[in-house]
Amino acid sequence: MKNIDKLIQKALELQANGLVTRQIADELNVSRETVTWLLTRAKKEDVSSAPKDISVNWRSIGKSAYRTRHIGIAMCDMLLDTVEGTDNSIDLVVGIGLSGVPLATMIAEELGTELSVYHAYNEHDEGKLKGAFSRNFAGIKGKRCVIIDDVITTGNTMNDVVTHLRSSGAKPVAIAVLVDKSGSESLSEVPVHALVRIVRVD
């Protein structure tokens, strides 16, 4: 229960600092449903059982540029292993903001490719793209790219990125993450590669 109390406290702090549900979920690496549960539990409004979710805290890696670089190299090696022997060379690495960008930067440097950054929006209308590519980084049109993030929870953001890339004339060839909580072998027909894949057995 101590860990749940810490998550509740952190969710409340992030909300007090102006973050919305999606941003809190990204920061805590949990689903939006879990954030809602944490916030309502904090207000003693909800006594229902917790959603089936797993919180991922990779701060011990993220606080060190040395560790982040080496994790990036491991992810790069994993990507090269999967595209080797195929027609899918890599022109561009796409980092999903915020937490996927440091890893994507390391991987782009290692691969010698360009770097693009995708910002996910907080709220969206059904059927519309839910984010945008930063104009401060490389363009995506016509590029064969890999998408990098820290954690896949539901896969919704990743599906949005793939859709946006394809609609802009890019070809996503692989997805790589530190942790995959979705258990997906692929998202939007793009193979998912994770250093750690979490599979629930219940």
Protein backbone atom coordinates (compact mmCIF):
# COMPACT_ATOMS: atom_id res chain seq x y z
CA MET A 1 0.00 0.00 0.00
CA LYS A 2 2.97 2.29 0.60
CA ASN A 3 3.77 2.37 -3.15
CA ILE A 4 0.14 3.21 -3.98
CA ASP A 5 0.23 6.06 -1.47
CA LYS A 6 3.40 7.39 -3.14
CA LEU A 7 1.74 7.21 -6.56
CA ILE A 8 -1.33 9.01 -5.24
CA GLN A 9 0.84 11.74 -3.72
CA LYS A 10 2.85 12.15 -6.93
CA ALA A 11 -0.34 12.29 -9.04
CA LEU A 12 -1.74 14.99 -6.75
CA GLU A 13 1.51 17.00 -6.95
CA LEU A 14 1.54 16.81 -10.74
CA GLN A 15 -2.12 17.84 -10.91
CA ALA A 16 -1.44 20.77 -8.55
CA ASN A 17 1.35 21.85 -10.91
CA GLY A 18 -1.15 22.10 -13.76
CA LEU A 19 -0.63 18.78 -15.55
CA VAL A 20 -3.68 17.13 -17.08
CA THR A 21 -4.53 13.43 -16.93
CA ARG A 22 -2.56 12.45 -20.04
CA GLN A 23 0.56 14.28 -18.85
CA ILE A 24 0.31 12.70 -15.40
CA ALA A 25 -0.10 9.27 -17.01
CA ASP A 26 2.99 9.87 -19.16
CA GLU A 27 5.01 11.01 -16.17
CA LEU A 28 4.01 8.05 -13.99
CA ASN A 29 4.03 5.56 -16.89
CA VAL A 30 0.52 4.35 -16.12
CA SER A 31 -2.76 4.47 -18.04
CA ARG A 32 -5.09 7.45 -17.89
CA GLU A 33 -7.63 5.21 -16.16
CA THR A 34 -5.09 4.55 -13.41
CA VAL A 35 -4.47 8.29 -12.98
CA THR A 36 -8.20 8.89 -12.63
CA TRP A 37 -8.38 6.11 -10.04
CA LEU A 38 -5.40 7.53 -8.10
CA LEU A 39 -6.89 11.04 -8.03
CA THR A 40 -10.37 9.92 -7.00
CA ARG A 41 -8.94 7.59 -4.37
CA ALA A 42 -6.99 10.53 -2.95
CA LYS A 43 -10.27 12.40 -2.52
CA LYS A 44 -11.81 9.34 -0.85
CA GLU A 45 -14.46 9.34 -3.60
CA ASP A 46 -13.58 5.92 -4.94
CA VAL A 47 -13.18 2.68 -3.05
CA SER A 48 -13.33 0.46 -6.14
CA SER A 49 -10.50 -1.93 -6.84
CA ALA A 50 -7.48 -0.58 -8.66
CA PRO A 51 -7.20 -0.92 -12.44
CA LYS A 52 -4.90 -3.68 -13.64
CA ASP A 53 -1.83 -1.63 -14.39
CA ILE A 54 1.87 -1.49 -13.63
CA SER A 55 3.78 1.67 -12.83
CA VAL A 56 7.23 1.87 -14.42
CA ASN A 57 9.84 4.05 -12.75
CA TRP A 58 13.08 4.20 -14.74
CA ARG A 59 14.54 7.21 -12.93
CA SER A 60 17.69 5.25 -12.02
CA ILE A 61 18.45 5.22 -15.77
CA GLY A 62 17.06 8.64 -16.69
CA LYS A 63 19.03 10.57 -14.09
CA SER A 64 22.32 9.48 -15.63
CA ALA A 65 23.41 10.46 -19.15
CA TYR A 66 25.91 7.60 -19.02
CA ARG A 67 23.20 5.02 -18.28
CA THR A 68 20.79 6.57 -20.79
CA ARG A 69 23.46 6.39 -23.48
CA HIS A 70 24.11 2.71 -22.81
CA ILE A 71 20.41 1.86 -22.77
CA GLY A 72 20.15 3.74 -26.07
CA ILE A 73 22.99 1.63 -27.47
CA ALA A 74 21.21 -1.55 -26.34
CA MET A 75 17.99 -0.37 -28.01
CA CYS A 76 19.94 0.51 -31.16
CA ASP A 77 21.49 -2.96 -31.22
CA MET A 78 18.02 -4.49 -30.85
CA LEU A 79 16.72 -2.38 -33.76
CA LEU A 80 19.65 -3.24 -36.03
CA ASP A 81 19.13 -6.92 -35.25
CA THR A 82 15.50 -6.70 -36.36
CA VAL A 83 15.98 -4.72 -39.60
CA GLU A 84 19.11 -6.59 -40.68
CA GLY A 85 18.48 -8.70 -43.75
CA THR A 86 15.36 -6.73 -44.71
CA ASP A 87 14.86 -3.89 -47.16
CA ASN A 88 14.17 -1.55 -44.25
CA SER A 89 17.11 0.77 -43.75
CA ILE A 90 16.64 3.61 -41.25
CA ASP A 91 16.78 7.28 -42.27
CA LEU A 92 15.13 8.87 -39.25
CA VAL A 93 14.61 8.28 -35.54
CA VAL A 94 11.38 9.69 -34.09
CA GLY A 95 11.33 10.37 -30.35
CA ILE A 96 7.99 10.74 -28.59
CA GLY A 97 8.10 13.70 -26.20
CA LEU A 98 8.92 13.91 -23.44
CA SER A 99 10.56 10.74 -22.17
CA GLY A 100 11.31 9.13 -25.53
CA VAL A 101 13.40 12.06 -26.76
CA PRO A 102 16.63 11.42 -24.77
CA LEU A 103 16.64 7.78 -25.88
CA ALA A 104 15.84 8.73 -29.48
CA THR A 105 18.67 11.26 -29.47
CA MET A 106 21.18 8.62 -28.38
CA ILE A 107 19.87 6.13 -30.94
CA ALA A 108 19.95 8.69 -33.79
CA GLU A 109 23.55 9.52 -32.93
CA GLU A 110 24.49 5.84 -32.84
CA LEU A 111 22.77 5.14 -36.18
CA GLY A 112 23.99 8.35 -37.81
CA THR A 113 20.45 9.36 -38.78
CA GLU A 114 18.33 12.47 -38.49
CA LEU A 115 16.11 13.07 -35.45
CA SER A 116 12.46 14.08 -35.28
CA VAL A 117 10.32 14.78 -32.21
CA TYR A 118 6.61 14.09 -31.84
CA HIS A 119 4.55 15.97 -29.25
CA ALA A 120 1.39 14.21 -28.10
CA TYR A 121 -1.53 16.54 -27.41
CA ASN A 122 -3.33 16.43 -24.10
CA GLU A 123 -6.87 16.18 -25.42
CA HIS A 124 -8.27 15.34 -28.84
CA ASP A 125 -11.36 14.99 -30.96
CA GLU A 126 -12.25 11.49 -32.10
CA GLY A 127 -10.86 10.73 -35.55
CA LYS A 128 -8.30 13.55 -35.58
CA LEU A 129 -4.56 13.24 -35.15
CA LYS A 130 -3.58 13.74 -31.55
CA GLY A 131 -0.15 15.30 -31.85
CA ALA A 132 2.37 17.08 -34.03
CA PHE A 133 5.97 16.86 -35.15
CA SER A 134 8.23 19.66 -33.95
CA ARG A 135 9.44 21.94 -36.74
CA ASN A 136 12.73 22.35 -34.85
CA PHE A 137 13.84 18.86 -35.86
CA ALA A 138 14.11 16.86 -39.09
CA GLY A 139 11.22 16.55 -41.51
CA ILE A 140 9.54 13.16 -41.92
CA LYS A 141 8.30 13.06 -45.52
CA GLY A 142 9.68 10.12 -47.48
CA LYS A 143 11.79 8.84 -44.55
CA ARG A 144 12.06 5.26 -43.31
CA CYS A 145 11.86 5.67 -39.57
CA VAL A 146 11.89 3.99 -36.19
CA ILE A 147 9.78 5.30 -33.34
CA ILE A 148 11.24 5.50 -29.84
CA ASP A 149 9.50 5.90 -26.49
CA ASP A 150 10.11 4.83 -22.93
CA VAL A 151 6.94 2.84 -22.17
CA ILE A 152 3.97 1.56 -24.16
CA THR A 153 0.94 1.39 -21.88
CA THR A 154 -2.11 1.09 -24.15
CA GLY A 155 -0.51 1.76 -27.53
CA ASN A 156 -2.82 4.68 -28.35
CA THR A 157 -0.06 7.28 -28.65
CA MET A 158 2.08 4.94 -30.73
CA ASN A 159 -0.83 4.23 -33.09
CA ASP A 160 -1.34 7.99 -33.48
CA VAL A 161 2.34 8.49 -34.36
CA VAL A 162 2.25 5.69 -36.95
CA THR A 163 -0.91 7.13 -38.53
CA HIS A 164 0.60 10.62 -38.62
CA LEU A 165 3.85 9.35 -40.15
CA ARG A 166 2.06 7.43 -42.88
CA SER A 167 -0.26 10.31 -43.70
CA SER A 168 2.82 12.51 -44.11
CA GLY A 169 4.54 10.14 -46.53
CA ALA A 170 6.93 8.47 -44.08
CA LYS A 171 7.39 4.72 -43.63
CA PRO A 172 7.59 3.51 -40.01
CA VAL A 173 9.62 0.27 -40.00
CA ALA A 174 9.95 -0.44 -36.27
CA ILE A 175 8.99 0.68 -32.78
CA ALA A 176 11.43 0.37 -29.87
CA VAL A 177 10.74 1.01 -26.19
CA LEU A 178 12.28 0.32 -22.81
CA VAL A 179 9.14 -1.38 -21.49
CA ASP A 180 6.07 -2.70 -23.28
CA LYS A 181 3.08 -3.12 -20.97
CA SER A 182 0.63 -3.69 -23.84
CA GLY A 183 1.96 -7.11 -24.80
CA SER A 184 1.73 -6.17 -28.49
CA GLU A 185 3.95 -7.79 -31.09
CA SER A 186 2.99 -4.96 -33.43
CA LEU A 187 0.97 -1.74 -33.42
CA SER A 188 -0.68 -0.55 -36.64
CA GLU A 189 1.27 -3.31 -38.40
CA VAL A 190 4.64 -1.95 -37.23
CA PRO A 191 6.74 -4.43 -35.21
CA VAL A 192 7.24 -3.56 -31.53
CA HIS A 193 10.59 -4.30 -29.89
CA ALA A 194 11.04 -3.86 -26.16
CA LEU A 195 14.00 -4.34 -23.87
CA VAL A 196 11.46 -5.53 -21.29
CA ARG A 197 8.02 -6.92 -22.12
CA ILE A 198 5.55 -7.23 -19.26
CA VAL A 199 2.95 -9.95 -19.61
CA ARG A 200 0.19 -10.39 -17.05
CA VAL A 201 -0.62 -14.00 -16.21
CA ASP A 202 -3.95 -13.34 -14.48
